[in-house]
Amino acid sequence: MWYDSHIQEVLIDQASLEARITELAKRISADYAGADLLLVGVLKGALLFIVDLARAVDLPVEMDFMAISSYGAATETSGVVRILKDLEASIEGRHVLVVEDIIDSGLTLNYIVEHLRNRGPASIKICALLSKPARRRVDVVIDYHGFEIPDKFVVGYGLDFRQRYRNLPFVGVLKPEMYQENHGK
């Protein structure tokens, strides 16, 4: 495949992703039975995850999206969070489940939760596909957690480097030479 020379190792294969998403969806379906649930996807990384999760949840759900910038073209968060696209729907009195691809420092997620909390939702919970606790700078509660991963630069299944690799059907470690300072310029 085109990406074989770019990927150091596959951390989470497609079958494991599918199985874990099914497990998360069952828990979410049980926990929110009878509730008005809004899934809030954080673009672009969570796109594949939220779509697969929504299809597996056995409830009528709505979806809305936010676009946040904290990385730019870098491999680490700058700590400065900007909202590029905000929600279209009102969340007042609603149960909100923020769907994230990865939580590393926790800074972006903390900002999103505080931003949404000011809008009066009935509840806000977090569903993250990946958690990288070694990078955590802010304590965040992850209510629905897919996989804990080591402190490695990962791509695939929505996660990118310079907008590439999102379409890989797995989560893999990108070879360092692929994201070193002068590569690809």
Foldseek 3Di string as FASTA:
>chain_A
DVCPVFFPWFPWFLVLLLVLLLVLLVVVLVVQPPFAEEEEEEPDQCVLVVVSNCVNHPDDYHYWYWYKDQAVLHLDGPLDIDTPGDTPDQQAQHEYEYEEAEDFQCSHVVVVVVVNVVRHHPYYAYAYQEYADVRHNDDDDHPHYRYYDYPARKAECRRDRVPPRPPHSGIGGTDPVCSPDPPPD
